């Protein structure tokens, strides 16, 4: 959202009104609203809070709705099958209850993995470099999202965007017989959060994607 706000400031012709919600009410007129929900580390709770907001009235006043997990919500030990089953069941219920709302699905963001001599030494010792396992687990979750929704319902593939360099190549990692994508280091401020370059790139992709959804594409 910081990237979206950067774009709004630098591109006034967008005429996009961005608001951060402070409570259960929605503003009047066209808007792009956002709010932090739930608690980091508890992704199912975030989905439950999102569902509650929709069912308590937001579904009557929105054209498009989405929620996303944070990179900390899915780590190496996460049971992605169970998590996705809860997400899928909840979104199916919301779609049935809110036929006027287009729900957008979002893949889970990635992090930068350990590289350089430390990663090389760990590999030589048979030890997994930092954040490899986390991204491999996120990859499994994101593949469940893609398999279920890609080509059928709107899916904003945040993980794909974060792992794609300007030249189209991908940031990849592998450990044993498992492979995954990772956040491009040039997009990161601290190995996990996006820097100004990364957040602007993601924001541009998001706004174009939502414009397509709004137009029925």
C-alpha atoms as a PDB file:
ATOM      1  CA  UNK A   1       0.000   0.000   0.000  1.00  0.00           C
ATOM      2  CA  UNK A   2       2.961   2.321   0.488  1.00  0.00           C
ATOM      3  CA  UNK A   3       3.699   1.753  -3.198  1.00  0.00           C
ATOM      4  CA  UNK A   4       0.122   2.603  -4.161  1.00  0.00           C
ATOM      5  CA  UNK A   5       0.326   5.803  -2.153  1.00  0.00           C
ATOM      6  CA  UNK A   6       3.675   6.627  -3.814  1.00  0.00           C
ATOM      7  CA  UNK A   7       2.015   6.251  -7.224  1.00  0.00           C
ATOM      8  CA  UNK A   8      -0.951   8.408  -6.263  1.00  0.00           C
ATOM      9  CA  UNK A   9       1.385  11.203  -5.147  1.00  0.00           C
ATOM     10  CA  UNK A  10       3.593  11.019  -8.231  1.00  0.00           C
ATOM     11  CA  UNK A  11       0.761  10.415 -10.728  1.00  0.00           C
ATOM     12  CA  UNK A  12      -2.168  12.683  -9.841  1.00  0.00           C
ATOM     13  CA  UNK A  13      -3.917  11.821 -13.104  1.00  0.00           C
ATOM     14  CA  UNK A  14      -4.738   8.446 -11.552  1.00  0.00           C
ATOM     15  CA  UNK A  15      -7.381  10.257  -9.499  1.00  0.00           C
ATOM     16  CA  UNK A  16      -7.358   7.396  -7.021  1.00  0.00           C
ATOM     17  CA  UNK A  17      -8.676   8.061  -3.545  1.00  0.00           C
ATOM     18  CA  UNK A  18      -6.805   5.888  -1.046  1.00  0.00           C
ATOM     19  CA  UNK A  19      -8.129   5.653   2.520  1.00  0.00           C
ATOM     20  CA  UNK A  20      -7.108   3.640   5.547  1.00  0.00           C
ATOM     21  CA  UNK A  21     -10.137   2.410   7.427  1.00  0.00           C
ATOM     22  CA  UNK A  22     -10.423   3.276  11.104  1.00  0.00           C
ATOM     23  CA  UNK A  23     -13.548   1.319  11.933  1.00  0.00           C
ATOM     24  CA  UNK A  24     -16.505  -0.614  10.534  1.00  0.00           C
ATOM     25  CA  UNK A  25     -17.820   2.129   8.253  1.00  0.00           C
ATOM     26  CA  UNK A  26     -16.882   2.756   4.627  1.00  0.00           C
ATOM     27  CA  UNK A  27     -16.404   6.196   3.055  1.00  0.00           C
ATOM     28  CA  UNK A  28     -18.827   7.610   0.528  1.00  0.00           C
ATOM     29  CA  UNK A  29     -18.015   7.681  -3.178  1.00  0.00           C
ATOM     30  CA  UNK A  30     -15.283   5.803  -5.063  1.00  0.00           C
ATOM     31  CA  UNK A  31     -12.319   4.706  -2.956  1.00  0.00           C
ATOM     32  CA  UNK A  32      -9.491   2.230  -2.504  1.00  0.00           C
ATOM     33  CA  UNK A  33      -9.627   1.273   1.163  1.00  0.00           C
ATOM     34  CA  UNK A  34      -7.174  -0.797   3.174  1.00  0.00           C
ATOM     35  CA  UNK A  35      -6.872  -1.961   6.742  1.00  0.00           C
ATOM     36  CA  UNK A  36      -4.627  -4.216   8.818  1.00  0.00           C
ATOM     37  CA  UNK A  37      -6.600  -7.200  10.054  1.00  0.00           C
ATOM     38  CA  UNK A  38      -5.989 -10.089  12.399  1.00  0.00           C
ATOM     39  CA  UNK A  39      -2.553 -10.867  13.779  1.00  0.00           C
ATOM     40  CA  UNK A  40       0.707 -11.768  12.083  1.00  0.00           C
ATOM     41  CA  UNK A  41       1.525 -15.430  12.484  1.00  0.00           C
ATOM     42  CA  UNK A  42      -2.165 -16.393  12.543  1.00  0.00           C
ATOM     43  CA  UNK A  43      -3.253 -16.476   8.889  1.00  0.00           C
ATOM     44  CA  UNK A  44      -6.542 -18.302   9.473  1.00  0.00           C
ATOM     45  CA  UNK A  45      -7.529 -15.561  11.913  1.00  0.00           C
ATOM     46  CA  UNK A  46      -6.909 -12.973   9.191  1.00  0.00           C
ATOM     47  CA  UNK A  47      -9.260 -14.863   6.892  1.00  0.00           C
ATOM     48  CA  UNK A  48     -11.865 -15.057   9.661  1.00  0.00           C
ATOM     49  CA  UNK A  49     -11.632 -11.320  10.371  1.00  0.00           C
ATOM     50  CA  UNK A  50     -11.937 -10.563   6.654  1.00  0.00           C
ATOM     51  CA  UNK A  51     -15.047 -12.744   6.474  1.00  0.00           C
ATOM     52  CA  UNK A  52     -16.560 -11.016   9.494  1.00  0.00           C
ATOM     53  CA  UNK A  53     -16.010  -7.584   7.974  1.00  0.00           C
ATOM     54  CA  UNK A  54     -17.655  -8.670   4.752  1.00  0.00           C
ATOM     55  CA  UNK A  55     -20.606 -10.334   6.466  1.00  0.00           C
ATOM     56  CA  UNK A  56     -21.143  -7.383   8.804  1.00  0.00           C
ATOM     57  CA  UNK A  57     -21.902  -5.062   5.901  1.00  0.00           C
ATOM     58  CA  UNK A  58     -18.864  -4.419   3.739  1.00  0.00           C
ATOM     59  CA  UNK A  59     -20.226  -6.813   1.113  1.00  0.00           C
ATOM     60  CA  UNK A  60     -23.088  -4.415   0.439  1.00  0.00           C
ATOM     61  CA  UNK A  61     -20.833  -1.534  -0.578  1.00  0.00           C
ATOM     62  CA  UNK A  62     -17.821  -3.043  -2.344  1.00  0.00           C
ATOM     63  CA  UNK A  63     -17.181  -3.972  -5.963  1.00  0.00           C
ATOM     64  CA  UNK A  64     -13.857  -5.757  -5.349  1.00  0.00           C
ATOM     65  CA  UNK A  65     -12.473  -7.225  -2.136  1.00  0.00           C
ATOM     66  CA  UNK A  66      -9.269  -9.049  -1.239  1.00  0.00           C
ATOM     67  CA  UNK A  67      -7.048  -9.928   1.670  1.00  0.00           C
ATOM     68  CA  UNK A  68      -3.514 -11.245   1.716  1.00  0.00           C
ATOM     69  CA  UNK A  69      -1.210 -12.984   4.116  1.00  0.00           C
ATOM     70  CA  UNK A  70       2.141 -11.648   5.265  1.00  0.00           C
ATOM     71  CA  UNK A  71       5.371 -13.548   4.644  1.00  0.00           C
ATOM     72  CA  UNK A  72       5.485 -14.348   8.387  1.00  0.00           C
ATOM     73  CA  UNK A  73       2.123 -16.116   8.153  1.00  0.00           C
ATOM     74  CA  UNK A  74       3.590 -19.002   6.169  1.00  0.00           C
ATOM     75  CA  UNK A  75       6.879 -20.465   7.320  1.00  0.00           C
ATOM     76  CA  UNK A  76       8.585 -23.820   6.954  1.00  0.00           C
ATOM     77  CA  UNK A  77       6.454 -25.597   9.580  1.00  0.00           C
ATOM     78  CA  UNK A  78       3.096 -24.267   8.334  1.00  0.00           C
ATOM     79  CA  UNK A  79       0.460 -26.874   7.421  1.00  0.00           C
ATOM     80  CA  UNK A  80      -0.362 -25.323   4.045  1.00  0.00           C
ATOM     81  CA  UNK A  81      -2.965 -27.931   3.156  1.00  0.00           C
ATOM     82  CA  UNK A  82      -5.001 -27.146   6.245  1.00  0.00           C
ATOM     83  CA  UNK A  83      -4.526 -23.406   5.848  1.00  0.00           C
ATOM     84  CA  UNK A  84      -5.597 -23.425   2.207  1.00  0.00           C
ATOM     85  CA  UNK A  85      -8.625 -25.616   2.947  1.00  0.00           C
ATOM     86  CA  UNK A  86      -9.819 -23.018   5.477  1.00  0.00           C
ATOM     87  CA  UNK A  87      -9.203 -20.168   3.043  1.00  0.00           C
ATOM     88  CA  UNK A  88     -10.971 -21.962   0.190  1.00  0.00           C
ATOM     89  CA  UNK A  89     -14.012 -22.849   2.300  1.00  0.00           C
ATOM     90  CA  UNK A  90     -14.318 -19.310   3.658  1.00  0.00           C
ATOM     91  CA  UNK A  91     -14.032 -17.624   0.266  1.00  0.00           C
ATOM     92  CA  UNK A  92     -16.565 -20.011  -1.245  1.00  0.00           C
ATOM     93  CA  UNK A  93     -19.018 -19.017   1.472  1.00  0.00           C
ATOM     94  CA  UNK A  94     -18.353 -15.326   0.926  1.00  0.00           C
ATOM     95  CA  UNK A  95     -18.869 -15.647  -2.842  1.00  0.00           C
ATOM     96  CA  UNK A  96     -22.240 -17.307  -2.266  1.00  0.00           C
ATOM     97  CA  UNK A  97     -23.276 -14.619   0.205  1.00  0.00           C
ATOM     98  CA  UNK A  98     -21.979 -11.692  -1.864  1.00  0.00           C
ATOM     99  CA  UNK A  99     -22.653 -12.276  -5.584  1.00  0.00           C
ATOM    100  CA  UNK A 100     -22.155  -8.554  -6.291  1.00  0.00           C
ATOM    101  CA  UNK A 101     -18.544  -8.593  -5.034  1.00  0.00           C
ATOM    102  CA  UNK A 102     -15.581  -9.802  -7.098  1.00  0.00           C
ATOM    103  CA  UNK A 103     -13.182 -11.505  -4.707  1.00  0.00           C
ATOM    104  CA  UNK A 104      -9.519 -11.378  -5.680  1.00  0.00           C
ATOM    105  CA  UNK A 105      -7.112 -14.046  -4.463  1.00  0.00           C
ATOM    106  CA  UNK A 106      -3.486 -13.162  -3.685  1.00  0.00           C
ATOM    107  CA  UNK A 107      -0.451 -15.421  -3.486  1.00  0.00           C
ATOM    108  CA  UNK A 108       1.693 -15.086  -0.392  1.00  0.00           C
ATOM    109  CA  UNK A 109       4.743 -12.798  -0.579  1.00  0.00           C
ATOM    110  CA  UNK A 110       8.292 -14.132  -0.468  1.00  0.00           C
ATOM    111  CA  UNK A 111      11.545 -13.238   1.254  1.00  0.00           C
ATOM    112  CA  UNK A 112      15.172 -12.963   0.197  1.00  0.00           C
ATOM    113  CA  UNK A 113      17.211 -16.105   0.894  1.00  0.00           C
ATOM    114  CA  UNK A 114      20.679 -16.320   2.341  1.00  0.00           C
ATOM    115  CA  UNK A 115      23.422 -16.096  -0.285  1.00  0.00           C
ATOM    116  CA  UNK A 116      27.175 -15.578  -0.538  1.00  0.00           C
ATOM    117  CA  UNK A 117      29.858 -17.500   1.307  1.00  0.00           C
ATOM    118  CA  UNK A 118      27.674 -18.266   4.330  1.00  0.00           C
ATOM    119  CA  UNK A 119      25.132 -20.043   2.153  1.00  0.00           C
ATOM    120  CA  UNK A 120      27.928 -21.853   0.315  1.00  0.00           C
ATOM    121  CA  UNK A 121      29.466 -23.101   3.554  1.00  0.00           C
ATOM    122  CA  UNK A 122      26.105 -24.287   4.863  1.00  0.00           C
ATOM    123  CA  UNK A 123      25.474 -26.191   1.664  1.00  0.00           C
ATOM    124  CA  UNK A 124      28.894 -27.849   1.906  1.00  0.00           C
ATOM    125  CA  UNK A 125      28.046 -28.922   5.446  1.00  0.00           C
ATOM    126  CA  UNK A 126      24.651 -30.236   4.388  1.00  0.00           C
ATOM    127  CA  UNK A 127      22.795 -27.473   6.194  1.00  0.00           C
ATOM    128  CA  UNK A 128      19.913 -25.526   4.690  1.00  0.00           C
ATOM    129  CA  UNK A 129      20.678 -21.817   4.086  1.00  0.00           C
ATOM    130  CA  UNK A 130      18.406 -19.331   5.837  1.00  0.00           C
ATOM    131  CA  UNK A 131      14.868 -18.869   4.493  1.00  0.00           C
ATOM    132  CA  UNK A 132      15.073 -21.641   1.896  1.00  0.00           C
ATOM    133  CA  UNK A 133      12.540 -23.787   3.752  1.00  0.00           C
ATOM    134  CA  UNK A 134      10.189 -20.871   4.350  1.00  0.00           C
ATOM    135  CA  UNK A 135      10.025 -20.016   0.662  1.00  0.00           C
ATOM    136  CA  UNK A 136       9.649 -23.666  -0.340  1.00  0.00           C
ATOM    137  CA  UNK A 137       6.610 -23.901   1.957  1.00  0.00           C
ATOM    138  CA  UNK A 138       5.213 -20.659   0.544  1.00  0.00           C
ATOM    139  CA  UNK A 139       5.718 -22.137  -2.912  1.00  0.00           C
ATOM    140  CA  UNK A 140       3.535 -25.112  -1.955  1.00  0.00           C
ATOM    141  CA  UNK A 141       0.801 -22.821  -0.676  1.00  0.00           C
ATOM    142  CA  UNK A 142       0.970 -20.589  -3.736  1.00  0.00           C
ATOM    143  CA  UNK A 143       0.732 -23.582  -6.049  1.00  0.00           C
ATOM    144  CA  UNK A 144      -2.494 -24.566  -4.289  1.00  0.00           C
ATOM    145  CA  UNK A 145      -3.803 -21.046  -4.938  1.00  0.00           C
ATOM    146  CA  UNK A 146      -2.808 -21.151  -8.597  1.00  0.00           C
ATOM    147  CA  UNK A 147      -4.236 -24.620  -9.150  1.00  0.00           C
ATOM    148  CA  UNK A 148      -7.569 -23.643  -7.619  1.00  0.00           C
ATOM    149  CA  UNK A 149      -8.089 -20.129  -8.988  1.00  0.00           C
ATOM    150  CA  UNK A 150      -5.809 -19.275 -11.924  1.00  0.00           C
ATOM    151  CA  UNK A 151      -7.902 -18.857 -15.058  1.00  0.00           C
ATOM    152  CA  UNK A 152     -11.149 -19.254 -13.112  1.00  0.00           C
ATOM    153  CA  UNK A 153     -11.236 -16.364 -10.662  1.00  0.00           C
ATOM    154  CA  UNK A 154      -9.114 -13.216 -10.292  1.00  0.00           C
ATOM    155  CA  UNK A 155      -5.698 -14.160  -8.916  1.00  0.00           C
ATOM    156  CA  UNK A 156      -3.072 -11.517  -8.231  1.00  0.00           C
ATOM    157  CA  UNK A 157       0.167 -13.478  -8.270  1.00  0.00           C
ATOM    158  CA  UNK A 158       2.204 -11.358  -5.882  1.00  0.00           C
ATOM    159  CA  UNK A 159       4.819 -14.079  -5.431  1.00  0.00           C
ATOM    160  CA  UNK A 160       5.436 -14.252  -9.177  1.00  0.00           C
ATOM    161  CA  UNK A 161       5.871 -10.494  -9.393  1.00  0.00           C
ATOM    162  CA  UNK A 162       8.212 -10.325  -6.399  1.00  0.00           C
ATOM    163  CA  UNK A 163      10.410 -13.080  -7.831  1.00  0.00           C
ATOM    164  CA  UNK A 164      10.650 -11.666 -11.373  1.00  0.00           C
ATOM    165  CA  UNK A 165      13.493  -9.331 -12.327  1.00  0.00           C
ATOM    166  CA  UNK A 166      13.046  -6.487 -14.850  1.00  0.00           C
ATOM    167  CA  UNK A 167      14.590  -8.694 -17.558  1.00  0.00           C
ATOM    168  CA  UNK A 168      11.998 -11.415 -16.939  1.00  0.00           C
ATOM    169  CA  UNK A 169      14.310 -13.877 -15.203  1.00  0.00           C
ATOM    170  CA  UNK A 170      13.268 -15.393 -11.866  1.00  0.00           C
ATOM    171  CA  UNK A 171      14.931 -15.552  -8.456  1.00  0.00           C
ATOM    172  CA  UNK A 172      14.952 -19.254  -7.579  1.00  0.00           C
ATOM    173  CA  UNK A 173      16.268 -21.504  -4.809  1.00  0.00           C
ATOM    174  CA  UNK A 174      16.612 -25.254  -4.501  1.00  0.00           C
ATOM    175  CA  UNK A 175      17.290 -27.623  -1.644  1.00  0.00           C
ATOM    176  CA  UNK A 176      17.430 -31.349  -2.179  1.00  0.00           C
ATOM    177  CA  UNK A 177      14.675 -32.233  -4.618  1.00  0.00           C
ATOM    178  CA  UNK A 178      12.646 -29.122  -3.794  1.00  0.00           C
ATOM    179  CA  UNK A 179      12.737 -25.753  -5.525  1.00  0.00           C
ATOM    180  CA  UNK A 180      10.953 -22.463  -5.076  1.00  0.00           C
ATOM    181  CA  UNK A 181      10.991 -18.815  -5.977  1.00  0.00           C
ATOM    182  CA  UNK A 182      12.305 -16.061  -3.723  1.00  0.00           C
ATOM    183  CA  UNK A 183      12.088 -12.296  -3.448  1.00  0.00           C
ATOM    184  CA  UNK A 184      14.475 -10.491  -5.796  1.00  0.00           C
ATOM    185  CA  UNK A 185      17.095  -8.870  -3.486  1.00  0.00           C
ATOM    186  CA  UNK A 186      16.983  -5.590  -5.419  1.00  0.00           C
ATOM    187  CA  UNK A 187      13.316  -5.199  -4.424  1.00  0.00           C
ATOM    188  CA  UNK A 188      13.912  -5.623  -0.688  1.00  0.00           C
ATOM    189  CA  UNK A 189      14.755  -3.145   2.040  1.00  0.00           C
ATOM    190  CA  UNK A 190      15.566  -5.683   4.752  1.00  0.00           C
ATOM    191  CA  UNK A 191      15.312  -9.075   3.125  1.00  0.00           C
ATOM    192  CA  UNK A 192      11.542  -9.217   3.474  1.00  0.00           C
ATOM    193  CA  UNK A 193       9.817  -5.848   3.114  1.00  0.00           C
ATOM    194  CA  UNK A 194       9.800  -4.019  -0.202  1.00  0.00           C
ATOM    195  CA  UNK A 195      12.011  -0.995  -0.812  1.00  0.00           C
ATOM    196  CA  UNK A 196      10.789   2.010  -2.863  1.00  0.00           C
ATOM    197  CA  UNK A 197      11.730   0.305  -6.140  1.00  0.00           C
ATOM    198  CA  UNK A 198      10.035  -2.967  -5.248  1.00  0.00           C
ATOM    199  CA  UNK A 199       6.894  -1.463  -3.809  1.00  0.00           C
ATOM    200  CA  UNK A 200       6.374   0.824  -6.804  1.00  0.00           C
ATOM    201  CA  UNK A 201       6.800  -2.116  -9.178  1.00  0.00           C
ATOM    202  CA  UNK A 202       4.295  -4.241  -7.266  1.00  0.00           C
ATOM    203  CA  UNK A 203       1.863  -1.331  -6.917  1.00  0.00           C
ATOM    204  CA  UNK A 204       1.906  -0.680 -10.669  1.00  0.00           C
ATOM    205  CA  UNK A 205       1.115  -4.323 -11.328  1.00  0.00           C
ATOM    206  CA  UNK A 206      -1.657  -4.321  -8.721  1.00  0.00           C
ATOM    207  CA  UNK A 207      -3.433  -1.237 -10.056  1.00  0.00           C
ATOM    208  CA  UNK A 208      -3.345  -2.516 -13.640  1.00  0.00           C
ATOM    209  CA  UNK A 209      -4.650  -5.874 -12.444  1.00  0.00           C
ATOM    210  CA  UNK A 210      -7.514  -4.321 -10.458  1.00  0.00           C
ATOM    211  CA  UNK A 211      -8.430  -2.068 -13.377  1.00  0.00           C
ATOM    212  CA  UNK A 212      -8.777  -5.196 -15.513  1.00  0.00           C
ATOM    213  CA  UNK A 213     -10.913  -6.873 -12.842  1.00  0.00           C
ATOM    214  CA  UNK A 214     -13.120  -3.800 -12.577  1.00  0.00           C
ATOM    215  CA  UNK A 215     -13.649  -3.792 -16.338  1.00  0.00           C
ATOM    216  CA  UNK A 216     -14.647  -7.448 -16.265  1.00  0.00           C
ATOM    217  CA  UNK A 217     -11.508  -8.922 -17.825  1.00  0.00           C
END
